[in-house]
């Protein structure tokens, strides 16, 4: 599918009535389910930070030993309510990866990746610091993957339905990442949007559990996505 041929919004492609999602405060989940989801996020992110603390120390040492640069990478993303927040990751690229100031997507076999960073990214270990984002309430364990404003604007220029995602917190896990992988083209971004809106329309606690289980299983089994 070529971008210039994209004439329908995702909601039209899905053939579902998205009219119920017109207001940012509209929820598909019940209040009880939403509270349960948030309680799960808080408890599991706190537990994850404690359990993974040895891994944090090991990664810190490896990154510092490789090039001496900063260990934590901070980047502004657009999240719940369309508001910006700071996303945290272990740095996987060289410190000069975007020295020209122009946002660029990570490509397959990207030469900007460090040796340690490539390993971290392949096994999704670079995402571990986002447990802090989940604990703070800026993210959830399951949701859409947050993007930078530069790329959000490009997506919205083609399909304004992207704004429907602002009703929920972005997630550490998503079915779009599991099945669509890292997005390095606009076509993949639009496919990710279609899958994210499908999640928005069908979300439930059971679906969250299913996505978490499938993602953890895929990572532990060595699947690259």
N, C-alpha and C. Protein backbone atom coordinates (compact mmCIF):
# COMPACT_ATOMS: atom_id res chain seq x y z
N UNK A 1 0.84 -1.19 0.00
CA UNK A 1 0.00 0.00 0.00
C UNK A 1 0.87 1.24 0.00
N UNK A 2 0.74 2.07 -1.03
CA UNK A 2 1.54 3.27 -1.11
C UNK A 2 0.84 4.40 -0.38
N UNK A 3 1.64 5.29 0.23
CA UNK A 3 1.08 6.34 1.05
C UNK A 3 0.17 7.24 0.26
N UNK A 4 0.58 7.57 -0.98
CA UNK A 4 -0.22 8.49 -1.77
C UNK A 4 -1.56 7.91 -2.17
N UNK A 5 -1.71 6.57 -2.04
CA UNK A 5 -2.97 5.93 -2.37
C UNK A 5 -3.87 5.78 -1.15
N UNK A 6 -3.39 6.22 0.03
CA UNK A 6 -4.15 6.09 1.27
C UNK A 6 -5.27 7.12 1.27
N UNK A 7 -6.51 6.68 1.11
CA UNK A 7 -7.63 7.62 1.01
C UNK A 7 -8.64 7.44 2.13
N UNK A 8 -8.58 6.34 2.84
CA UNK A 8 -9.52 6.08 3.91
C UNK A 8 -8.84 6.18 5.25
N UNK A 9 -9.60 6.62 6.27
CA UNK A 9 -9.08 6.60 7.62
C UNK A 9 -9.09 5.17 8.12
N UNK A 10 -8.37 4.92 9.20
CA UNK A 10 -8.30 3.56 9.74
C UNK A 10 -9.67 3.09 10.20
N UNK A 11 -10.45 3.96 10.81
CA UNK A 11 -11.76 3.54 11.29
C UNK A 11 -12.65 3.11 10.14
N UNK A 12 -12.50 3.73 8.97
CA UNK A 12 -13.27 3.32 7.79
C UNK A 12 -12.78 1.97 7.28
N UNK A 13 -11.46 1.77 7.31
CA UNK A 13 -10.89 0.51 6.87
C UNK A 13 -11.34 -0.63 7.77
N UNK A 14 -11.41 -0.36 9.09
CA UNK A 14 -11.84 -1.39 10.04
C UNK A 14 -13.33 -1.66 9.95
N UNK A 15 -14.07 -0.74 9.31
CA UNK A 15 -15.51 -0.86 9.17
C UNK A 15 -16.20 -0.94 10.52
N UNK A 16 -15.76 -0.10 11.47
CA UNK A 16 -16.40 -0.02 12.77
C UNK A 16 -16.84 1.41 13.00
N UNK A 17 -17.82 1.58 13.85
CA UNK A 17 -18.32 2.90 14.17
C UNK A 17 -17.48 3.48 15.29
N UNK A 18 -16.62 4.45 14.96
CA UNK A 18 -15.76 5.05 15.97
C UNK A 18 -16.39 6.31 16.57
N UNK A 19 -17.66 6.55 16.27
CA UNK A 19 -18.30 7.75 16.77
C UNK A 19 -18.33 7.82 18.28
N UNK A 20 -18.40 6.66 18.93
CA UNK A 20 -18.43 6.64 20.39
C UNK A 20 -17.14 7.11 21.01
N UNK A 21 -16.06 7.24 20.21
CA UNK A 21 -14.77 7.62 20.73
C UNK A 21 -14.47 9.09 20.51
N UNK A 22 -15.49 9.88 20.17
CA UNK A 22 -15.25 11.27 19.82
C UNK A 22 -14.72 12.09 20.98
N UNK A 23 -15.10 11.74 22.21
CA UNK A 23 -14.67 12.52 23.37
C UNK A 23 -13.50 11.83 24.05
N UNK A 24 -12.46 12.62 24.44
CA UNK A 24 -11.26 12.03 25.04
C UNK A 24 -11.50 11.22 26.29
N UNK A 25 -12.60 11.52 27.03
CA UNK A 25 -12.83 10.85 28.30
C UNK A 25 -13.66 9.57 28.15
N UNK A 26 -14.08 9.28 26.92
CA UNK A 26 -14.88 8.07 26.69
C UNK A 26 -14.05 6.82 27.01
N UNK A 27 -14.60 5.86 27.74
CA UNK A 27 -13.91 4.63 28.08
C UNK A 27 -14.70 3.44 27.59
N UNK A 28 -14.00 2.49 27.02
CA UNK A 28 -14.62 1.23 26.66
C UNK A 28 -14.65 0.32 27.87
N UNK A 29 -13.57 0.32 28.64
CA UNK A 29 -13.50 -0.49 29.85
C UNK A 29 -14.38 0.12 30.93
N UNK A 30 -14.90 -0.74 31.78
CA UNK A 30 -15.65 -0.24 32.93
C UNK A 30 -14.71 0.44 33.90
N UNK A 31 -15.26 1.22 34.82
CA UNK A 31 -14.44 1.90 35.82
C UNK A 31 -13.68 0.89 36.67
N UNK A 32 -14.33 -0.21 37.00
CA UNK A 32 -13.69 -1.24 37.82
C UNK A 32 -12.53 -1.89 37.06
N UNK A 33 -12.73 -2.16 35.78
CA UNK A 33 -11.67 -2.77 34.97
C UNK A 33 -10.50 -1.81 34.81
N UNK A 34 -10.80 -0.52 34.62
CA UNK A 34 -9.74 0.47 34.47
C UNK A 34 -8.93 0.60 35.75
N UNK A 35 -9.63 0.56 36.91
CA UNK A 35 -8.94 0.63 38.19
C UNK A 35 -8.07 -0.61 38.40
N UNK A 36 -8.57 -1.76 38.00
CA UNK A 36 -7.80 -3.00 38.12
C UNK A 36 -6.56 -2.94 37.24
N UNK A 37 -6.71 -2.42 36.04
CA UNK A 37 -5.60 -2.29 35.10
C UNK A 37 -4.52 -1.38 35.68
N UNK A 38 -4.93 -0.26 36.28
CA UNK A 38 -3.96 0.67 36.87
C UNK A 38 -3.28 0.06 38.09
N UNK A 39 -4.04 -0.66 38.92
CA UNK A 39 -3.46 -1.32 40.09
C UNK A 39 -2.42 -2.35 39.65
N UNK A 40 -2.74 -3.07 38.59
CA UNK A 40 -1.79 -4.05 38.05
C UNK A 40 -0.52 -3.34 37.58
N UNK A 41 -0.68 -2.21 36.89
CA UNK A 41 0.46 -1.45 36.40
C UNK A 41 1.38 -1.02 37.55
N UNK A 42 0.77 -0.50 38.61
CA UNK A 42 1.56 0.00 39.74
C UNK A 42 2.31 -1.13 40.43
N UNK A 43 1.60 -2.20 40.76
CA UNK A 43 2.21 -3.31 41.50
C UNK A 43 3.29 -4.01 40.68
N UNK A 44 2.99 -4.28 39.42
CA UNK A 44 3.93 -5.04 38.60
C UNK A 44 5.13 -4.20 38.16
N UNK A 45 4.92 -2.91 37.93
CA UNK A 45 6.07 -2.07 37.57
C UNK A 45 7.01 -1.90 38.76
N UNK A 46 6.44 -1.76 39.96
CA UNK A 46 7.26 -1.65 41.16
C UNK A 46 8.02 -2.95 41.41
N UNK A 47 7.32 -4.07 41.25
CA UNK A 47 7.96 -5.37 41.42
C UNK A 47 9.04 -5.58 40.35
N UNK A 48 8.72 -5.16 39.13
CA UNK A 48 9.68 -5.31 38.03
C UNK A 48 10.94 -4.51 38.26
N UNK A 49 10.80 -3.29 38.77
CA UNK A 49 11.97 -2.47 39.05
C UNK A 49 12.86 -3.11 40.11
N UNK A 50 12.23 -3.73 41.10
CA UNK A 50 12.99 -4.38 42.17
C UNK A 50 13.69 -5.64 41.65
N UNK A 51 12.92 -6.49 40.97
CA UNK A 51 13.46 -7.76 40.47
C UNK A 51 14.54 -7.54 39.42
N UNK A 52 14.34 -6.52 38.58
CA UNK A 52 15.29 -6.27 37.49
C UNK A 52 16.45 -5.37 37.88
N UNK A 53 16.53 -4.97 39.14
CA UNK A 53 17.60 -4.07 39.56
C UNK A 53 18.99 -4.63 39.29
N UNK A 54 19.24 -5.96 39.46
CA UNK A 54 20.56 -6.47 39.08
C UNK A 54 20.84 -6.31 37.58
N UNK A 55 19.82 -6.49 36.75
CA UNK A 55 19.99 -6.32 35.31
C UNK A 55 20.30 -4.86 34.98
N UNK A 56 19.66 -3.93 35.70
CA UNK A 56 19.93 -2.51 35.50
C UNK A 56 21.41 -2.23 35.76
N UNK A 57 21.95 -2.81 36.83
CA UNK A 57 23.34 -2.59 37.19
C UNK A 57 24.28 -3.15 36.12
N UNK A 58 23.97 -4.35 35.64
CA UNK A 58 24.81 -4.98 34.62
C UNK A 58 24.80 -4.17 33.33
N UNK A 59 23.61 -3.74 32.90
CA UNK A 59 23.50 -2.95 31.67
C UNK A 59 24.23 -1.62 31.84
N UNK A 60 24.11 -1.01 33.02
CA UNK A 60 24.81 0.25 33.29
C UNK A 60 26.31 0.07 33.08
N UNK A 61 26.87 -0.98 33.63
CA UNK A 61 28.31 -1.23 33.53
C UNK A 61 28.71 -1.47 32.07
N UNK A 62 27.93 -2.26 31.33
CA UNK A 62 28.26 -2.59 29.95
C UNK A 62 28.23 -1.36 29.04
N UNK A 63 27.21 -0.52 29.21
CA UNK A 63 27.10 0.67 28.37
C UNK A 63 28.23 1.65 28.68
N UNK A 64 28.50 1.85 29.97
CA UNK A 64 29.58 2.75 30.38
C UNK A 64 30.93 2.26 29.88
N UNK A 65 31.12 0.95 29.95
CA UNK A 65 32.40 0.37 29.54
C UNK A 65 32.61 0.50 28.03
N UNK A 66 31.51 0.46 27.26
CA UNK A 66 31.65 0.49 25.81
C UNK A 66 32.09 1.85 25.28
N UNK A 67 31.42 2.93 25.70
CA UNK A 67 31.80 4.24 25.15
C UNK A 67 31.79 5.37 26.17
N UNK A 68 31.47 5.05 27.42
CA UNK A 68 31.50 6.07 28.47
C UNK A 68 30.40 7.09 28.43
N UNK A 69 29.46 6.92 27.50
CA UNK A 69 28.36 7.89 27.37
C UNK A 69 27.26 7.66 28.38
N UNK A 70 26.22 8.49 28.33
CA UNK A 70 25.09 8.34 29.26
C UNK A 70 24.41 6.99 29.07
N UNK A 71 23.91 6.44 30.17
CA UNK A 71 23.29 5.11 30.13
C UNK A 71 21.81 5.22 29.77
N UNK A 72 21.14 6.20 30.36
CA UNK A 72 19.70 6.38 30.13
C UNK A 72 19.47 7.38 29.01
N UNK A 73 18.64 6.97 28.07
CA UNK A 73 18.26 7.83 26.95
C UNK A 73 16.88 8.40 27.24
N UNK A 74 16.75 9.71 27.14
CA UNK A 74 15.48 10.39 27.40
C UNK A 74 14.97 11.00 26.10
N UNK A 75 13.68 10.83 25.85
CA UNK A 75 13.12 11.37 24.63
C UNK A 75 11.66 11.76 24.86
N UNK A 76 11.26 12.90 24.33
CA UNK A 76 9.88 13.34 24.50
C UNK A 76 8.97 12.56 23.55
N UNK A 77 7.91 12.02 24.10
CA UNK A 77 6.89 11.32 23.32
C UNK A 77 5.53 11.92 23.62
N UNK A 78 4.56 11.63 22.77
CA UNK A 78 3.19 12.11 22.97
C UNK A 78 2.36 10.96 23.54
N UNK A 79 1.68 11.22 24.66
CA UNK A 79 0.95 10.16 25.33
C UNK A 79 -0.49 10.48 25.63
N UNK A 80 -0.94 10.08 26.80
CA UNK A 80 -2.34 10.20 27.21
C UNK A 80 -2.82 11.64 27.10
N UNK A 81 -3.97 11.82 26.46
CA UNK A 81 -4.54 13.15 26.30
C UNK A 81 -3.79 14.01 25.30
N UNK A 82 -2.86 13.40 24.54
CA UNK A 82 -2.07 14.17 23.59
C UNK A 82 -0.99 15.01 24.24
N UNK A 83 -0.70 14.69 25.52
CA UNK A 83 0.30 15.47 26.25
C UNK A 83 1.69 14.84 26.11
N UNK A 84 2.73 15.65 26.03
CA UNK A 84 4.10 15.12 25.95
C UNK A 84 4.58 14.61 27.30
N UNK A 85 5.43 13.62 27.27
CA UNK A 85 6.06 13.12 28.48
C UNK A 85 7.45 12.61 28.10
N UNK A 86 8.29 12.43 29.11
CA UNK A 86 9.65 11.95 28.86
C UNK A 86 9.71 10.45 28.99
N UNK A 87 10.07 9.77 27.90
CA UNK A 87 10.19 8.32 27.89
C UNK A 87 11.64 7.95 28.17
N UNK A 88 11.83 6.90 28.98
CA UNK A 88 13.18 6.47 29.37
C UNK A 88 13.52 5.12 28.74
N UNK A 89 14.74 5.01 28.24
CA UNK A 89 15.24 3.76 27.68
C UNK A 89 16.72 3.65 28.01
N UNK A 90 17.25 2.43 27.96
CA UNK A 90 18.70 2.30 27.97
C UNK A 90 19.20 2.76 26.60
N UNK A 91 20.24 3.54 26.60
CA UNK A 91 20.76 4.07 25.33
C UNK A 91 21.31 2.91 24.49
N UNK A 92 20.81 2.79 23.27
CA UNK A 92 21.24 1.72 22.38
C UNK A 92 22.02 2.25 21.17
N UNK A 93 22.05 3.57 21.01
CA UNK A 93 22.74 4.17 19.86
C UNK A 93 23.92 5.03 20.32
N UNK A 94 24.73 5.40 19.37
CA UNK A 94 25.86 6.28 19.67
C UNK A 94 25.33 7.63 20.15
N UNK A 95 26.15 8.34 20.91
CA UNK A 95 25.71 9.63 21.46
C UNK A 95 25.50 10.66 20.36
N UNK A 96 26.01 10.42 19.15
CA UNK A 96 25.87 11.36 18.03
C UNK A 96 24.86 10.86 17.00
N UNK A 97 23.94 9.97 17.42
CA UNK A 97 23.02 9.34 16.47
C UNK A 97 22.12 10.33 15.75
N UNK A 98 21.75 11.42 16.42
CA UNK A 98 20.93 12.45 15.78
C UNK A 98 21.57 13.81 16.00
N UNK A 99 22.85 13.87 15.72
CA UNK A 99 23.61 15.10 15.95
C UNK A 99 23.12 16.26 15.10
N UNK A 100 22.50 15.95 13.94
CA UNK A 100 22.01 17.02 13.06
C UNK A 100 20.66 17.56 13.51
N UNK A 101 20.09 16.95 14.57
CA UNK A 101 18.82 17.43 15.11
C UNK A 101 17.59 16.94 14.36
N UNK A 102 17.77 16.12 13.35
CA UNK A 102 16.65 15.62 12.56
C UNK A 102 16.21 14.24 13.07
N UNK A 103 14.94 14.08 13.49
CA UNK A 103 14.47 12.78 13.96
C UNK A 103 14.58 11.74 12.86
N UNK A 104 15.05 10.55 13.24
CA UNK A 104 15.20 9.47 12.27
C UNK A 104 14.80 8.16 12.92
N UNK A 105 14.08 7.33 12.17
CA UNK A 105 13.66 6.03 12.67
C UNK A 105 14.82 5.05 12.63
N UNK A 106 14.81 4.13 13.59
CA UNK A 106 15.84 3.09 13.61
C UNK A 106 15.55 2.09 12.50
N UNK A 107 16.57 1.80 11.68
CA UNK A 107 16.43 0.88 10.57
C UNK A 107 17.03 -0.48 10.93
N UNK A 108 16.70 -1.50 10.13
CA UNK A 108 17.32 -2.80 10.31
C UNK A 108 18.81 -2.68 10.00
N UNK A 109 19.64 -3.26 10.86
CA UNK A 109 21.10 -3.16 10.72
C UNK A 109 21.58 -1.71 10.77
N UNK A 110 20.91 -0.91 11.60
CA UNK A 110 21.25 0.51 11.73
C UNK A 110 22.68 0.65 12.26
N UNK A 111 23.49 1.40 11.53
CA UNK A 111 24.90 1.57 11.91
C UNK A 111 25.06 2.46 13.14
N UNK A 112 24.00 3.15 13.54
CA UNK A 112 24.09 4.01 14.72
C UNK A 112 24.02 3.21 16.02
N UNK A 113 23.59 1.96 15.94
CA UNK A 113 23.50 1.12 17.13
C UNK A 113 24.89 0.75 17.63
N UNK A 114 25.07 0.80 18.93
CA UNK A 114 26.32 0.33 19.52
C UNK A 114 26.28 -1.20 19.60
N UNK A 115 27.40 -1.80 19.92
CA UNK A 115 27.44 -3.27 20.01
C UNK A 115 26.52 -3.76 21.11
N UNK A 116 26.61 -3.14 22.29
CA UNK A 116 25.73 -3.50 23.40
C UNK A 116 24.30 -3.10 23.08
N UNK A 117 24.14 -1.94 22.46
CA UNK A 117 22.81 -1.44 22.13
C UNK A 117 22.06 -2.35 21.18
N UNK A 118 22.77 -2.94 20.22
CA UNK A 118 22.12 -3.87 19.29
C UNK A 118 21.56 -5.08 20.03
N UNK A 119 22.34 -5.60 20.97
CA UNK A 119 21.88 -6.74 21.77
C UNK A 119 20.67 -6.35 22.61
N UNK A 120 20.74 -5.19 23.26
CA UNK A 120 19.64 -4.72 24.09
C UNK A 120 18.36 -4.56 23.28
N UNK A 121 18.48 -3.98 22.08
CA UNK A 121 17.32 -3.73 21.25
C UNK A 121 16.73 -5.03 20.71
N UNK A 122 17.58 -5.96 20.29
CA UNK A 122 17.10 -7.22 19.75
C UNK A 122 16.29 -8.01 20.78
N UNK A 123 16.68 -7.87 22.05
CA UNK A 123 16.00 -8.60 23.12
C UNK A 123 15.07 -7.70 23.94
N UNK A 124 14.86 -6.47 23.47
CA UNK A 124 13.93 -5.51 24.08
C UNK A 124 14.31 -5.14 25.51
N UNK A 125 15.57 -5.35 25.86
CA UNK A 125 16.03 -4.97 27.20
C UNK A 125 16.20 -3.47 27.34
N UNK A 126 16.32 -2.77 26.22
CA UNK A 126 16.45 -1.32 26.28
C UNK A 126 15.17 -0.66 26.80
N UNK A 127 14.06 -1.41 26.80
CA UNK A 127 12.78 -0.86 27.23
C UNK A 127 12.58 -0.93 28.75
N UNK A 128 13.44 -1.63 29.46
CA UNK A 128 13.23 -1.84 30.90
C UNK A 128 13.01 -0.55 31.70
N UNK A 129 13.76 0.54 31.42
CA UNK A 129 13.52 1.76 32.21
C UNK A 129 12.11 2.33 32.09
N UNK A 130 11.35 1.87 31.11
CA UNK A 130 9.98 2.35 30.97
C UNK A 130 9.07 1.82 32.07
N UNK A 131 9.57 0.89 32.85
CA UNK A 131 8.82 0.49 34.05
C UNK A 131 8.59 1.69 34.95
N UNK A 132 9.54 2.63 34.93
CA UNK A 132 9.39 3.87 35.71
C UNK A 132 8.27 4.72 35.13
N UNK A 133 8.16 4.77 33.79
CA UNK A 133 7.06 5.50 33.15
C UNK A 133 5.71 4.88 33.52
N UNK A 134 5.68 3.54 33.61
CA UNK A 134 4.44 2.86 33.98
C UNK A 134 4.08 3.18 35.42
N UNK A 135 5.06 3.13 36.31
CA UNK A 135 4.82 3.42 37.71
C UNK A 135 4.30 4.84 37.91
N UNK A 136 4.84 5.78 37.15
CA UNK A 136 4.42 7.18 37.26
C UNK A 136 3.04 7.43 36.67
N UNK A 137 2.51 6.49 35.90
CA UNK A 137 1.19 6.66 35.30
C UNK A 137 1.23 7.28 33.91
N UNK A 138 2.42 7.46 33.36
CA UNK A 138 2.54 8.01 32.01
C UNK A 138 2.31 6.95 30.95
N UNK A 139 2.52 5.68 31.35
CA UNK A 139 2.32 4.56 30.46
C UNK A 139 1.60 3.44 31.21
N UNK A 140 1.20 2.44 30.44
CA UNK A 140 0.60 1.24 31.00
C UNK A 140 1.41 0.05 30.48
N UNK A 141 1.18 -1.13 31.03
CA UNK A 141 1.88 -2.30 30.50
C UNK A 141 1.42 -2.59 29.07
N UNK A 142 0.13 -2.37 28.81
CA UNK A 142 -0.40 -2.63 27.47
C UNK A 142 -1.09 -1.38 26.94
N UNK A 143 -0.78 -1.05 25.72
CA UNK A 143 -1.38 0.12 25.06
C UNK A 143 -0.70 0.30 23.71
N UNK A 144 -0.87 1.47 23.13
CA UNK A 144 -0.17 1.74 21.87
C UNK A 144 1.24 2.24 22.18
N UNK A 145 2.17 2.04 21.27
CA UNK A 145 3.53 2.53 21.48
C UNK A 145 3.56 4.03 21.20
N UNK A 146 4.05 4.83 22.16
CA UNK A 146 4.05 6.29 21.97
C UNK A 146 5.10 6.70 20.94
N UNK A 147 4.82 7.78 20.24
CA UNK A 147 5.71 8.24 19.19
C UNK A 147 6.09 9.69 19.42
N UNK A 148 7.14 10.13 18.75
CA UNK A 148 7.55 11.53 18.83
C UNK A 148 6.59 12.41 18.03
N UNK A 149 6.46 13.66 18.45
CA UNK A 149 5.52 14.58 17.80
C UNK A 149 5.83 14.72 16.32
N UNK A 150 7.09 14.71 15.95
CA UNK A 150 7.49 14.85 14.55
C UNK A 150 6.80 13.78 13.70
N UNK A 151 6.81 12.53 14.19
CA UNK A 151 6.21 11.44 13.43
C UNK A 151 4.70 11.36 13.64
N UNK A 152 4.23 11.77 14.82
CA UNK A 152 2.79 11.82 15.05
C UNK A 152 2.14 12.76 14.05
N UNK A 153 2.74 13.92 13.85
CA UNK A 153 2.19 14.90 12.91
C UNK A 153 2.15 14.33 11.48
N UNK A 154 3.17 13.57 11.12
CA UNK A 154 3.21 12.97 9.78
C UNK A 154 2.09 11.92 9.63
N UNK A 155 1.88 11.14 10.68
CA UNK A 155 0.82 10.13 10.64
C UNK A 155 -0.55 10.80 10.57
N UNK A 156 -0.75 11.81 11.41
CA UNK A 156 -2.05 12.50 11.47
C UNK A 156 -2.36 13.21 10.16
N UNK A 157 -1.33 13.63 9.44
CA UNK A 157 -1.56 14.29 8.15
C UNK A 157 -2.18 13.32 7.15
N UNK A 158 -1.92 12.03 7.33
CA UNK A 158 -2.49 11.00 6.46
C UNK A 158 -3.78 10.46 7.05
N UNK A 159 -3.77 10.23 8.36
CA UNK A 159 -4.95 9.66 9.02
C UNK A 159 -5.14 10.30 10.40
N UNK A 160 -6.06 11.24 10.51
CA UNK A 160 -6.30 11.93 11.79
C UNK A 160 -6.88 11.04 12.88
N UNK A 161 -7.26 9.80 12.55
CA UNK A 161 -7.78 8.89 13.56
C UNK A 161 -6.75 8.58 14.64
N UNK A 162 -5.49 8.94 14.39
CA UNK A 162 -4.45 8.71 15.40
C UNK A 162 -4.84 9.35 16.73
N UNK A 163 -5.53 10.48 16.69
CA UNK A 163 -5.88 11.20 17.92
C UNK A 163 -6.81 10.38 18.81
N UNK A 164 -7.49 9.39 18.26
CA UNK A 164 -8.36 8.55 19.08
C UNK A 164 -7.56 7.80 20.15
N UNK A 165 -6.29 7.56 19.87
CA UNK A 165 -5.44 6.82 20.82
C UNK A 165 -5.17 7.62 22.09
N UNK A 166 -5.37 8.93 22.03
CA UNK A 166 -5.09 9.77 23.19
C UNK A 166 -5.99 9.46 24.38
N UNK A 167 -7.04 8.65 24.16
CA UNK A 167 -7.96 8.31 25.25
C UNK A 167 -7.36 7.30 26.23
N UNK A 168 -6.29 6.64 25.84
CA UNK A 168 -5.68 5.63 26.70
C UNK A 168 -4.19 5.90 26.87
N UNK A 169 -3.62 5.32 27.91
CA UNK A 169 -2.18 5.46 28.12
C UNK A 169 -1.41 4.64 27.09
N UNK A 170 -0.29 5.14 26.61
CA UNK A 170 0.56 4.31 25.76
C UNK A 170 1.10 3.15 26.56
N UNK A 171 1.58 2.12 25.87
CA UNK A 171 1.97 0.90 26.57
C UNK A 171 3.39 0.45 26.34
N UNK A 172 3.87 -0.32 27.30
CA UNK A 172 5.16 -0.98 27.18
C UNK A 172 5.06 -2.13 26.18
N UNK A 173 3.90 -2.81 26.20
CA UNK A 173 3.62 -3.90 25.26
C UNK A 173 2.45 -3.49 24.37
N UNK A 174 2.44 -4.02 23.16
CA UNK A 174 1.29 -3.81 22.27
C UNK A 174 1.26 -4.93 21.25
N UNK A 175 0.06 -5.26 20.80
CA UNK A 175 -0.05 -6.29 19.77
C UNK A 175 0.59 -5.81 18.48
N UNK A 176 0.58 -4.50 18.24
CA UNK A 176 1.18 -3.95 17.02
C UNK A 176 2.68 -4.19 17.00
N UNK A 177 3.34 -4.00 18.14
CA UNK A 177 4.78 -4.25 18.21
C UNK A 177 5.06 -5.74 18.06
N UNK A 178 4.23 -6.57 18.65
CA UNK A 178 4.42 -8.02 18.61
C UNK A 178 4.32 -8.57 17.19
N UNK A 179 3.35 -8.06 16.43
CA UNK A 179 3.11 -8.61 15.10
C UNK A 179 3.62 -7.73 13.96
N UNK A 180 3.85 -6.46 14.25
CA UNK A 180 4.29 -5.54 13.20
C UNK A 180 5.74 -5.13 13.38
N UNK A 181 6.32 -5.43 14.56
CA UNK A 181 7.72 -5.13 14.81
C UNK A 181 7.99 -3.64 14.93
N UNK A 182 9.28 -3.29 14.90
CA UNK A 182 9.66 -1.88 14.93
C UNK A 182 9.21 -1.21 13.64
N UNK A 183 8.74 0.01 13.75
CA UNK A 183 8.26 0.73 12.58
C UNK A 183 9.37 1.58 12.00
N UNK A 184 9.79 1.25 10.78
CA UNK A 184 10.85 2.01 10.13
C UNK A 184 10.40 2.64 8.81
N UNK A 185 9.10 2.51 8.50
CA UNK A 185 8.54 3.15 7.31
C UNK A 185 7.16 3.71 7.66
N UNK A 186 6.67 4.63 6.83
CA UNK A 186 5.34 5.18 7.07
C UNK A 186 4.27 4.12 6.87
N UNK A 187 4.47 3.21 5.92
CA UNK A 187 3.51 2.13 5.71
C UNK A 187 3.34 1.29 6.97
N UNK A 188 4.45 1.00 7.65
CA UNK A 188 4.37 0.21 8.89
C UNK A 188 3.75 1.04 10.01
N UNK A 189 3.96 2.35 10.00
CA UNK A 189 3.33 3.21 11.00
C UNK A 189 1.81 3.19 10.84
N UNK A 190 1.35 3.21 9.60
CA UNK A 190 -0.09 3.19 9.36
C UNK A 190 -0.68 1.83 9.71
N UNK A 191 0.07 0.76 9.45
CA UNK A 191 -0.39 -0.57 9.85
C UNK A 191 -0.43 -0.67 11.37
N UNK A 192 0.56 -0.09 12.04
CA UNK A 192 0.57 -0.08 13.50
C UNK A 192 -0.65 0.68 14.03
N UNK A 193 -0.98 1.80 13.39
CA UNK A 193 -2.15 2.57 13.80
C UNK A 193 -3.42 1.74 13.67
N UNK A 194 -3.55 0.99 12.58
CA UNK A 194 -4.72 0.15 12.39
C UNK A 194 -4.85 -0.86 13.54
N UNK A 195 -3.73 -1.47 13.92
CA UNK A 195 -3.75 -2.47 14.98
C UNK A 195 -3.99 -1.82 16.34
N UNK A 196 -3.44 -0.63 16.55
CA UNK A 196 -3.64 0.07 17.82
C UNK A 196 -5.10 0.47 18.00
N UNK A 197 -5.74 0.92 16.92
CA UNK A 197 -7.15 1.27 17.01
C UNK A 197 -8.01 0.03 17.20
N UNK A 198 -7.59 -1.08 16.64
CA UNK A 198 -8.30 -2.33 16.87
C UNK A 198 -8.23 -2.70 18.35
N UNK A 199 -7.05 -2.48 18.97
CA UNK A 199 -6.92 -2.72 20.41
C UNK A 199 -7.83 -1.77 21.19
N UNK A 200 -7.84 -0.49 20.81
CA UNK A 200 -8.68 0.50 21.49
C UNK A 200 -10.14 0.07 21.46
N UNK A 201 -10.58 -0.42 20.33
CA UNK A 201 -11.98 -0.79 20.16
C UNK A 201 -12.36 -2.06 20.92
N UNK A 202 -11.38 -2.98 21.07
CA UNK A 202 -11.68 -4.28 21.67
C UNK A 202 -11.03 -4.52 23.02
N UNK A 203 -10.40 -3.53 23.60
CA UNK A 203 -9.59 -3.75 24.80
C UNK A 203 -10.39 -4.29 25.98
N UNK A 204 -9.71 -5.13 26.74
CA UNK A 204 -10.29 -5.73 27.94
C UNK A 204 -9.13 -6.23 28.79
N UNK A 205 -9.41 -6.56 30.02
CA UNK A 205 -8.36 -7.09 30.89
C UNK A 205 -7.84 -8.42 30.33
N UNK A 206 -8.73 -9.22 29.79
CA UNK A 206 -8.31 -10.51 29.23
C UNK A 206 -7.38 -10.29 28.03
N UNK A 207 -7.70 -9.32 27.19
CA UNK A 207 -6.85 -9.03 26.03
C UNK A 207 -5.48 -8.54 26.50
N UNK A 208 -5.44 -7.73 27.55
CA UNK A 208 -4.16 -7.26 28.11
C UNK A 208 -3.31 -8.44 28.57
N UNK A 209 -3.92 -9.36 29.31
CA UNK A 209 -3.20 -10.54 29.81
C UNK A 209 -2.66 -11.36 28.63
N UNK A 210 -3.46 -11.50 27.60
CA UNK A 210 -3.05 -12.27 26.42
C UNK A 210 -1.85 -11.63 25.73
N UNK A 211 -1.88 -10.29 25.57
CA UNK A 211 -0.78 -9.58 24.92
C UNK A 211 0.50 -9.67 25.76
N UNK A 212 0.37 -9.53 27.08
CA UNK A 212 1.53 -9.63 27.97
C UNK A 212 2.15 -11.02 27.88
N UNK A 213 1.31 -12.05 27.96
CA UNK A 213 1.80 -13.43 27.91
C UNK A 213 2.50 -13.70 26.57
N UNK A 214 1.87 -13.30 25.46
CA UNK A 214 2.45 -13.56 24.14
C UNK A 214 3.77 -12.82 23.95
N UNK A 215 3.84 -11.59 24.47
CA UNK A 215 5.06 -10.80 24.32
C UNK A 215 6.20 -11.39 25.13
N UNK A 216 5.93 -11.71 26.40
CA UNK A 216 6.96 -12.29 27.27
C UNK A 216 7.44 -13.63 26.70
N UNK A 217 6.50 -14.43 26.24
CA UNK A 217 6.86 -15.73 25.65
C UNK A 217 7.74 -15.54 24.41
N UNK A 218 7.40 -14.57 23.57
CA UNK A 218 8.16 -14.32 22.36
C UNK A 218 9.57 -13.86 22.68
N UNK A 219 9.70 -12.98 23.69
CA UNK A 219 11.02 -12.48 24.08
C UNK A 219 11.88 -13.61 24.64
N UNK A 220 11.30 -14.41 25.54
CA UNK A 220 12.04 -15.50 26.18
C UNK A 220 12.41 -16.61 25.18
N UNK A 221 11.59 -16.76 24.15
CA UNK A 221 11.86 -17.80 23.15
C UNK A 221 12.83 -17.31 22.07
N UNK A 222 13.23 -16.04 22.16
CA UNK A 222 14.22 -15.52 21.23
C UNK A 222 13.66 -14.97 19.94
N UNK A 223 12.35 -14.81 19.84
CA UNK A 223 11.76 -14.28 18.62
C UNK A 223 12.18 -12.82 18.42
N UNK A 224 12.56 -12.48 17.21
CA UNK A 224 12.94 -11.11 16.86
C UNK A 224 11.72 -10.39 16.30
N UNK A 225 11.35 -9.28 16.92
CA UNK A 225 10.21 -8.51 16.40
C UNK A 225 10.40 -7.05 16.74
